[in-house]
N, C-alpha and C. Protein backbone atom coordinates (compact mmCIF):
# COMPACT_ATOMS: atom_id res chain seq x y z
N UNK A 1 -14.46 -2.15 0.31
CA UNK A 1 -13.19 -1.79 -0.33
C UNK A 1 -12.63 -3.04 -1.00
N UNK A 2 -12.20 -2.97 -2.25
CA UNK A 2 -11.65 -4.14 -2.94
C UNK A 2 -10.44 -4.69 -2.20
N UNK A 3 -10.19 -6.00 -2.26
CA UNK A 3 -9.07 -6.59 -1.53
C UNK A 3 -7.74 -5.92 -1.83
N UNK A 4 -7.46 -5.59 -3.08
CA UNK A 4 -6.17 -4.97 -3.39
C UNK A 4 -6.07 -3.60 -2.76
N UNK A 5 -7.16 -2.86 -2.68
CA UNK A 5 -7.13 -1.55 -2.05
C UNK A 5 -6.78 -1.70 -0.59
N UNK A 6 -7.45 -2.60 0.09
CA UNK A 6 -7.18 -2.83 1.50
C UNK A 6 -5.75 -3.32 1.69
N UNK A 7 -5.33 -4.26 0.88
CA UNK A 7 -3.98 -4.81 1.01
C UNK A 7 -2.93 -3.73 0.83
N UNK A 8 -3.04 -2.97 -0.24
CA UNK A 8 -2.00 -2.00 -0.54
C UNK A 8 -2.01 -0.85 0.45
N UNK A 9 -3.18 -0.42 0.89
CA UNK A 9 -3.25 0.64 1.89
C UNK A 9 -2.65 0.14 3.20
N UNK A 10 -3.03 -1.05 3.58
CA UNK A 10 -2.53 -1.60 4.84
C UNK A 10 -1.06 -1.95 4.78
N UNK A 11 -0.60 -2.29 3.59
CA UNK A 11 0.78 -2.72 3.44
C UNK A 11 1.76 -1.70 4.02
N UNK A 12 1.54 -0.48 3.77
CA UNK A 12 2.41 0.56 4.31
C UNK A 12 1.67 1.50 5.25
N UNK A 13 0.37 1.58 5.09
CA UNK A 13 -0.37 2.56 5.87
C UNK A 13 0.02 3.96 5.46
N UNK A 14 0.45 4.10 4.24
CA UNK A 14 1.01 5.37 3.80
C UNK A 14 0.19 6.06 2.75
N UNK A 15 -0.20 5.34 1.75
CA UNK A 15 -0.82 5.99 0.60
C UNK A 15 -2.33 6.03 0.76
N UNK A 16 -2.92 7.10 0.31
CA UNK A 16 -4.37 7.21 0.38
C UNK A 16 -5.01 6.34 -0.69
N UNK A 17 -4.35 6.18 -1.80
CA UNK A 17 -4.87 5.37 -2.90
C UNK A 17 -4.11 4.06 -2.95
N UNK A 18 -4.73 3.02 -3.49
CA UNK A 18 -4.02 1.76 -3.58
C UNK A 18 -2.81 1.89 -4.48
N UNK A 19 -1.70 1.45 -4.00
CA UNK A 19 -0.44 1.68 -4.70
C UNK A 19 -0.42 1.09 -6.11
N UNK A 20 -0.95 -0.09 -6.29
CA UNK A 20 -0.85 -0.70 -7.61
C UNK A 20 -1.81 -0.11 -8.62
N UNK A 21 -2.95 0.31 -8.18
CA UNK A 21 -3.91 0.83 -9.14
C UNK A 21 -3.82 2.34 -9.27
N UNK A 22 -3.07 3.00 -8.38
CA UNK A 22 -3.05 4.45 -8.43
C UNK A 22 -1.68 5.08 -8.27
N UNK A 23 -0.63 4.34 -8.31
CA UNK A 23 0.68 4.96 -8.12
C UNK A 23 1.45 4.98 -9.42
N UNK A 24 2.12 6.04 -9.71
CA UNK A 24 1.96 7.33 -9.10
C UNK A 24 0.58 7.91 -9.40
N UNK A 25 0.13 8.80 -8.54
CA UNK A 25 -1.23 9.31 -8.62
C UNK A 25 -1.54 9.95 -9.97
N UNK A 26 -0.63 10.71 -10.52
CA UNK A 26 -0.88 11.37 -11.81
C UNK A 26 -1.10 10.35 -12.91
N UNK A 27 -0.34 9.27 -12.90
CA UNK A 27 -0.48 8.23 -13.93
C UNK A 27 -1.82 7.53 -13.80
N UNK A 28 -2.30 7.38 -12.57
CA UNK A 28 -3.57 6.70 -12.37
C UNK A 28 -4.72 7.49 -12.96
N UNK A 29 -4.67 8.81 -12.83
CA UNK A 29 -5.75 9.63 -13.34
C UNK A 29 -5.87 9.54 -14.85
N UNK A 30 -4.77 9.31 -15.51
CA UNK A 30 -4.79 9.23 -16.97
C UNK A 30 -4.83 7.79 -17.47
N UNK A 31 -4.68 6.82 -16.56
CA UNK A 31 -4.61 5.43 -16.97
C UNK A 31 -3.26 5.09 -17.55
N UNK A 32 -2.29 5.97 -17.35
CA UNK A 32 -0.96 5.79 -17.92
C UNK A 32 -0.23 4.61 -17.29
N UNK A 33 0.73 4.12 -18.04
CA UNK A 33 1.59 3.06 -17.52
C UNK A 33 2.41 3.60 -16.35
N UNK A 34 2.80 2.69 -15.45
CA UNK A 34 3.63 3.04 -14.30
C UNK A 34 4.86 2.14 -14.33
N UNK A 35 6.04 2.75 -14.31
CA UNK A 35 7.27 1.97 -14.31
C UNK A 35 7.63 1.56 -12.89
N UNK A 36 8.49 0.58 -12.80
CA UNK A 36 8.96 0.13 -11.49
C UNK A 36 9.68 1.28 -10.77
N UNK A 37 10.46 2.06 -11.51
CA UNK A 37 11.17 3.19 -10.91
C UNK A 37 10.18 4.24 -10.38
N UNK A 38 9.10 4.48 -11.11
CA UNK A 38 8.09 5.42 -10.63
C UNK A 38 7.42 4.90 -9.36
N UNK A 39 7.16 3.61 -9.33
CA UNK A 39 6.54 3.01 -8.15
C UNK A 39 7.47 3.14 -6.96
N UNK A 40 8.76 2.84 -7.15
CA UNK A 40 9.72 2.95 -6.04
C UNK A 40 9.80 4.40 -5.57
N UNK A 41 9.79 5.34 -6.49
CA UNK A 41 9.84 6.76 -6.11
C UNK A 41 8.60 7.15 -5.30
N UNK A 42 7.44 6.61 -5.69
CA UNK A 42 6.20 6.88 -4.96
C UNK A 42 6.29 6.32 -3.55
N UNK A 43 6.75 5.08 -3.42
CA UNK A 43 6.88 4.45 -2.11
C UNK A 43 7.88 5.24 -1.26
N UNK A 44 9.01 5.62 -1.83
CA UNK A 44 10.01 6.40 -1.10
C UNK A 44 9.46 7.74 -0.64
N UNK A 45 8.71 8.41 -1.52
CA UNK A 45 8.15 9.71 -1.18
C UNK A 45 7.14 9.63 -0.05
N UNK A 46 6.30 8.60 -0.09
CA UNK A 46 5.30 8.45 0.95
C UNK A 46 5.97 8.05 2.27
N UNK A 47 7.02 7.24 2.19
CA UNK A 47 7.77 6.89 3.41
C UNK A 47 8.32 8.16 4.06
N UNK A 48 8.88 9.04 3.26
CA UNK A 48 9.43 10.29 3.79
C UNK A 48 8.36 11.13 4.46
N UNK A 49 7.14 11.13 3.91
CA UNK A 49 6.04 11.85 4.56
C UNK A 49 5.74 11.27 5.94
N UNK A 50 5.78 9.96 6.03
CA UNK A 50 5.44 9.30 7.30
C UNK A 50 6.56 9.44 8.33
N UNK A 51 7.80 9.55 7.88
CA UNK A 51 8.95 9.67 8.79
C UNK A 51 9.04 11.12 9.28
N UNK A 52 8.13 11.48 10.16
CA UNK A 52 8.00 12.88 10.57
C UNK A 52 9.19 13.41 11.36
N UNK A 53 9.90 12.54 12.08
CA UNK A 53 11.08 13.01 12.82
C UNK A 53 12.36 12.92 12.00
N UNK A 54 12.25 12.45 10.77
CA UNK A 54 13.35 12.40 9.80
C UNK A 54 14.58 11.63 10.30
N UNK A 55 14.30 10.52 11.01
CA UNK A 55 15.42 9.70 11.48
C UNK A 55 15.72 8.53 10.53
N UNK A 56 14.99 8.47 9.41
CA UNK A 56 15.23 7.40 8.44
C UNK A 56 14.46 6.14 8.72
N UNK A 57 13.58 6.17 9.73
CA UNK A 57 12.75 5.01 10.08
C UNK A 57 11.33 5.49 10.31
N UNK A 58 10.39 4.56 10.18
CA UNK A 58 9.01 4.85 10.51
C UNK A 58 8.66 4.07 11.76
N UNK A 59 8.46 4.81 12.84
CA UNK A 59 8.08 4.15 14.09
C UNK A 59 6.62 3.73 14.02
N UNK A 60 6.22 2.92 14.99
CA UNK A 60 4.81 2.52 15.05
C UNK A 60 3.93 3.75 15.26
N UNK A 61 4.39 4.72 16.04
CA UNK A 61 3.62 5.94 16.27
C UNK A 61 3.47 6.73 14.96
N UNK A 62 4.56 6.86 14.20
CA UNK A 62 4.49 7.57 12.92
C UNK A 62 3.56 6.83 11.95
N UNK A 63 3.65 5.52 11.97
CA UNK A 63 2.78 4.69 11.14
C UNK A 63 1.32 4.93 11.51
N UNK A 64 1.03 4.96 12.81
CA UNK A 64 -0.33 5.20 13.28
C UNK A 64 -0.86 6.56 12.86
N UNK A 65 0.00 7.57 12.93
CA UNK A 65 -0.41 8.92 12.50
C UNK A 65 -0.73 8.92 11.01
N UNK A 66 0.09 8.23 10.22
CA UNK A 66 -0.14 8.20 8.78
C UNK A 66 -1.44 7.46 8.47
N UNK A 67 -1.72 6.38 9.20
CA UNK A 67 -2.98 5.66 8.99
C UNK A 67 -4.15 6.56 9.34
N UNK A 68 -4.01 7.40 10.37
CA UNK A 68 -5.06 8.35 10.71
C UNK A 68 -5.33 9.31 9.57
N UNK A 69 -4.26 9.76 8.92
CA UNK A 69 -4.41 10.66 7.76
C UNK A 69 -5.17 9.94 6.66
N UNK A 70 -4.79 8.70 6.40
CA UNK A 70 -5.43 7.92 5.35
C UNK A 70 -6.92 7.74 5.65
N UNK A 71 -7.24 7.35 6.86
CA UNK A 71 -8.63 7.09 7.21
C UNK A 71 -9.47 8.36 7.29
N UNK A 72 -8.86 9.47 7.62
CA UNK A 72 -9.61 10.72 7.75
C UNK A 72 -9.80 11.46 6.44
N UNK A 73 -9.29 10.93 5.34
CA UNK A 73 -9.50 11.58 4.05
C UNK A 73 -10.97 11.56 3.66
N UNK A 74 -11.68 10.55 4.11
CA UNK A 74 -13.12 10.48 3.89
C UNK A 74 -13.76 10.29 5.27
N UNK A 75 -14.06 11.40 5.94
CA UNK A 75 -14.61 11.32 7.30
C UNK A 75 -15.91 10.53 7.36
N UNK A 76 -16.17 9.92 8.50
CA UNK A 76 -17.42 9.16 8.65
C UNK A 76 -18.62 10.03 8.27
N UNK A 77 -19.54 9.41 7.57
CA UNK A 77 -20.75 10.10 7.16
C UNK A 77 -20.66 10.77 5.80
N UNK A 78 -19.45 10.88 5.23
CA UNK A 78 -19.33 11.46 3.91
C UNK A 78 -19.41 10.37 2.85
N UNK A 79 -19.68 10.80 1.63
CA UNK A 79 -19.80 9.85 0.53
C UNK A 79 -18.51 9.03 0.39
N UNK A 80 -18.65 7.74 0.21
CA UNK A 80 -17.55 6.79 0.03
C UNK A 80 -16.70 6.59 1.28
N UNK A 81 -17.15 7.10 2.43
CA UNK A 81 -16.41 6.89 3.67
C UNK A 81 -16.55 5.43 4.09
N UNK A 82 -15.48 4.88 4.68
CA UNK A 82 -15.60 3.51 5.18
C UNK A 82 -16.56 3.47 6.37
N UNK A 83 -17.24 2.35 6.50
CA UNK A 83 -18.07 2.15 7.69
C UNK A 83 -17.13 1.99 8.88
N UNK A 84 -17.68 2.02 10.07
CA UNK A 84 -16.86 1.84 11.27
C UNK A 84 -16.16 0.48 11.22
N UNK A 85 -16.88 -0.55 10.75
CA UNK A 85 -16.27 -1.88 10.65
C UNK A 85 -15.15 -1.89 9.61
N UNK A 86 -15.40 -1.25 8.45
CA UNK A 86 -14.35 -1.20 7.42
C UNK A 86 -13.13 -0.44 7.92
N UNK A 87 -13.35 0.66 8.64
CA UNK A 87 -12.22 1.42 9.19
C UNK A 87 -11.45 0.58 10.19
N UNK A 88 -12.17 -0.15 11.05
CA UNK A 88 -11.48 -1.02 12.02
C UNK A 88 -10.74 -2.14 11.30
N UNK A 89 -11.36 -2.71 10.26
CA UNK A 89 -10.68 -3.75 9.48
C UNK A 89 -9.41 -3.21 8.84
N UNK A 90 -9.48 -1.97 8.35
CA UNK A 90 -8.29 -1.36 7.75
C UNK A 90 -7.19 -1.17 8.80
N UNK A 91 -7.56 -0.71 9.99
CA UNK A 91 -6.57 -0.55 11.06
C UNK A 91 -5.97 -1.89 11.46
N UNK A 92 -6.82 -2.89 11.59
CA UNK A 92 -6.33 -4.23 11.94
C UNK A 92 -5.38 -4.76 10.88
N UNK A 93 -5.75 -4.60 9.61
CA UNK A 93 -4.90 -5.05 8.51
C UNK A 93 -3.59 -4.26 8.49
N UNK A 94 -3.68 -2.96 8.75
CA UNK A 94 -2.48 -2.12 8.77
C UNK A 94 -1.54 -2.54 9.89
N UNK A 95 -2.09 -2.81 11.06
CA UNK A 95 -1.24 -3.25 12.18
C UNK A 95 -0.61 -4.61 11.90
N UNK A 96 -1.36 -5.51 11.30
CA UNK A 96 -0.80 -6.81 10.93
C UNK A 96 0.28 -6.64 9.87
N UNK A 97 0.04 -5.74 8.91
CA UNK A 97 1.03 -5.49 7.86
C UNK A 97 2.30 -4.91 8.45
N UNK A 98 2.17 -3.98 9.37
CA UNK A 98 3.35 -3.39 10.02
C UNK A 98 4.18 -4.49 10.66
N UNK A 99 3.50 -5.35 11.41
CA UNK A 99 4.21 -6.44 12.10
C UNK A 99 4.89 -7.38 11.09
N UNK A 100 4.19 -7.69 10.00
CA UNK A 100 4.76 -8.59 8.99
C UNK A 100 5.94 -7.96 8.27
N UNK A 101 5.87 -6.65 8.04
CA UNK A 101 6.92 -5.96 7.29
C UNK A 101 8.14 -5.68 8.17
N UNK A 102 7.93 -5.56 9.48
CA UNK A 102 9.03 -5.29 10.41
C UNK A 102 9.84 -6.58 10.60
N UNK A 103 10.66 -6.89 9.60
CA UNK A 103 11.32 -8.19 9.54
C UNK A 103 12.29 -8.45 10.68
N UNK A 104 12.87 -7.42 11.27
CA UNK A 104 13.78 -7.64 12.40
C UNK A 104 13.11 -7.38 13.73
N UNK A 105 11.81 -7.14 13.73
CA UNK A 105 10.99 -6.96 14.94
C UNK A 105 11.52 -5.89 15.89
N UNK A 106 12.04 -4.80 15.31
CA UNK A 106 12.56 -3.73 16.18
C UNK A 106 11.54 -2.63 16.44
N UNK A 107 10.32 -2.80 15.95
CA UNK A 107 9.26 -1.84 16.20
C UNK A 107 9.28 -0.62 15.31
N UNK A 108 10.10 -0.65 14.28
CA UNK A 108 10.15 0.45 13.32
C UNK A 108 10.48 -0.13 11.96
N UNK A 109 10.12 0.64 10.92
CA UNK A 109 10.36 0.18 9.56
C UNK A 109 11.47 1.00 8.92
N UNK A 110 12.40 0.30 8.31
CA UNK A 110 13.41 0.97 7.49
C UNK A 110 12.80 1.18 6.11
N UNK A 111 13.42 2.03 5.29
CA UNK A 111 12.91 2.18 3.92
C UNK A 111 12.89 0.84 3.16
N UNK A 112 13.89 0.01 3.39
CA UNK A 112 13.93 -1.29 2.70
C UNK A 112 12.78 -2.18 3.15
N UNK A 113 12.50 -2.22 4.45
CA UNK A 113 11.39 -3.03 4.95
C UNK A 113 10.06 -2.51 4.38
N UNK A 114 9.90 -1.19 4.38
CA UNK A 114 8.64 -0.60 3.94
C UNK A 114 8.39 -0.78 2.45
N UNK A 115 9.44 -0.86 1.67
CA UNK A 115 9.24 -0.97 0.22
C UNK A 115 9.19 -2.41 -0.28
N UNK A 116 9.57 -3.36 0.54
CA UNK A 116 9.63 -4.76 0.09
C UNK A 116 8.29 -5.26 -0.44
N UNK A 117 7.22 -5.11 0.32
CA UNK A 117 5.91 -5.64 -0.10
C UNK A 117 5.34 -4.92 -1.31
N UNK A 118 5.32 -3.58 -1.34
CA UNK A 118 4.75 -2.96 -2.55
C UNK A 118 5.53 -3.28 -3.81
N UNK A 119 6.85 -3.42 -3.68
CA UNK A 119 7.64 -3.73 -4.87
C UNK A 119 7.44 -5.19 -5.28
N UNK A 120 7.27 -6.08 -4.32
CA UNK A 120 6.94 -7.47 -4.66
C UNK A 120 5.58 -7.54 -5.33
N UNK A 121 4.63 -6.76 -4.81
CA UNK A 121 3.30 -6.74 -5.41
C UNK A 121 3.38 -6.20 -6.84
N UNK A 122 4.16 -5.13 -7.04
CA UNK A 122 4.34 -4.58 -8.38
C UNK A 122 4.84 -5.68 -9.31
N UNK A 123 5.87 -6.38 -8.86
CA UNK A 123 6.46 -7.43 -9.70
C UNK A 123 5.46 -8.54 -10.02
N UNK A 124 4.58 -8.87 -9.07
CA UNK A 124 3.59 -9.91 -9.33
C UNK A 124 2.53 -9.44 -10.32
N UNK A 125 2.13 -8.18 -10.24
CA UNK A 125 1.10 -7.65 -11.14
C UNK A 125 1.68 -7.43 -12.54
N UNK A 126 2.98 -7.17 -12.62
CA UNK A 126 3.66 -6.97 -13.90
C UNK A 126 3.78 -8.33 -14.60
N UNK A 127 2.69 -8.73 -15.24
CA UNK A 127 2.55 -10.09 -15.78
C UNK A 127 3.64 -10.46 -16.78
N UNK A 128 4.08 -9.52 -17.60
CA UNK A 128 5.11 -9.86 -18.58
C UNK A 128 6.52 -9.50 -18.10
N UNK A 129 6.62 -9.05 -16.87
CA UNK A 129 7.91 -8.77 -16.21
C UNK A 129 8.80 -7.82 -17.01
N UNK A 130 8.18 -6.78 -17.57
CA UNK A 130 8.96 -5.79 -18.32
C UNK A 130 9.24 -4.52 -17.53
N UNK A 131 8.86 -4.50 -16.23
CA UNK A 131 9.12 -3.33 -15.40
C UNK A 131 8.13 -2.21 -15.60
N UNK A 132 7.02 -2.49 -16.28
CA UNK A 132 5.99 -1.48 -16.54
C UNK A 132 4.62 -2.10 -16.26
N UNK A 133 3.82 -1.40 -15.43
CA UNK A 133 2.44 -1.83 -15.24
C UNK A 133 1.58 -1.09 -16.25
N UNK A 134 0.93 -1.86 -17.09
CA UNK A 134 0.03 -1.28 -18.08
C UNK A 134 -1.38 -1.22 -17.48
N UNK A 135 -2.24 -0.49 -18.14
CA UNK A 135 -3.63 -0.43 -17.70
C UNK A 135 -4.23 -1.83 -17.66
N UNK A 136 -3.94 -2.64 -18.65
CA UNK A 136 -4.48 -4.01 -18.69
C UNK A 136 -4.01 -4.82 -17.49
N UNK A 137 -2.74 -4.69 -17.11
CA UNK A 137 -2.23 -5.43 -15.95
C UNK A 137 -2.88 -4.93 -14.66
N UNK A 138 -3.09 -3.62 -14.56
CA UNK A 138 -3.74 -3.06 -13.36
C UNK A 138 -5.19 -3.53 -13.28
N UNK A 139 -5.87 -3.58 -14.40
CA UNK A 139 -7.25 -4.05 -14.42
C UNK A 139 -7.31 -5.52 -14.03
N UNK A 140 -6.39 -6.32 -14.55
CA UNK A 140 -6.36 -7.75 -14.22
C UNK A 140 -6.14 -7.97 -12.73
N UNK A 141 -5.33 -7.12 -12.10
CA UNK A 141 -5.06 -7.25 -10.67
C UNK A 141 -6.28 -6.91 -9.83
N UNK A 142 -7.22 -6.19 -10.39
CA UNK A 142 -8.42 -5.78 -9.65
C UNK A 142 -9.60 -6.72 -9.86
N UNK A 143 -9.42 -7.73 -10.71
CA UNK A 143 -10.51 -8.68 -10.95
C UNK A 143 -10.81 -9.46 -9.68
N UNK A 144 -12.05 -9.90 -9.52
CA UNK A 144 -12.40 -10.68 -8.33
C UNK A 144 -11.45 -11.87 -8.15
N UNK A 145 -10.97 -12.02 -6.95
CA UNK A 145 -10.07 -13.12 -6.63
C UNK A 145 -8.60 -12.77 -6.77
N UNK A 146 -8.26 -11.79 -7.60
CA UNK A 146 -6.85 -11.44 -7.80
C UNK A 146 -6.23 -10.91 -6.52
N UNK A 147 -6.97 -10.10 -5.78
CA UNK A 147 -6.45 -9.54 -4.53
C UNK A 147 -6.14 -10.63 -3.52
N UNK A 148 -7.01 -11.63 -3.43
CA UNK A 148 -6.79 -12.72 -2.49
C UNK A 148 -5.56 -13.53 -2.87
N UNK A 149 -5.35 -13.73 -4.16
CA UNK A 149 -4.17 -14.47 -4.62
C UNK A 149 -2.91 -13.70 -4.27
N UNK A 150 -2.89 -12.40 -4.58
CA UNK A 150 -1.72 -11.59 -4.26
C UNK A 150 -1.50 -11.51 -2.76
N UNK A 151 -2.57 -11.40 -1.98
CA UNK A 151 -2.46 -11.33 -0.54
C UNK A 151 -1.78 -12.59 0.00
N UNK A 152 -2.20 -13.75 -0.51
CA UNK A 152 -1.57 -15.00 -0.06
C UNK A 152 -0.09 -15.03 -0.41
N UNK A 153 0.27 -14.54 -1.59
CA UNK A 153 1.67 -14.56 -2.02
C UNK A 153 2.52 -13.54 -1.25
N UNK A 154 1.89 -12.48 -0.77
CA UNK A 154 2.63 -11.43 -0.06
C UNK A 154 2.71 -11.65 1.44
N UNK A 155 1.86 -12.50 1.97
CA UNK A 155 1.80 -12.69 3.41
C UNK A 155 2.59 -13.92 3.82
N UNK A 156 3.63 -13.70 4.64
CA UNK A 156 4.43 -14.85 5.09
C UNK A 156 3.58 -15.85 5.85
N UNK A 157 3.86 -17.12 5.67
CA UNK A 157 3.19 -18.18 6.38
C UNK A 157 1.84 -18.57 5.82
N UNK A 158 1.46 -17.99 4.67
CA UNK A 158 0.16 -18.33 4.09
C UNK A 158 0.37 -19.12 2.83
């Protein structure tokens, strides 16, 4: 799995597709531009899916359930399914991301905590800072090494 895919999936454990290269999903299929507002709406919508008890927070249990949904979209043995090691790496990255995003260490994510990293990533990929991710910017973010650079910039203490 490309570094950006792993990073963005793990960042929230919410979206099946990498947020920067596929959000919103309809725009990704057409290669259309994605605005910052569309990205925020996508993040908010996926957060609401994960907040199954509708208390306005995503608990670690809700996060775990959502990661299960993400990982089970391509069951083991099917085409493009992650290997057992890749699936474990995704879970490990997701758990580390949850801990990093839970800025007040209360064991749950607020909408603000959950959206901070994907929106920061959006802003970093938006090379000309016009609030729109173009196909060219999305392609540039997927080039070898780009994911590692963004990961370092998004991960506290690195």
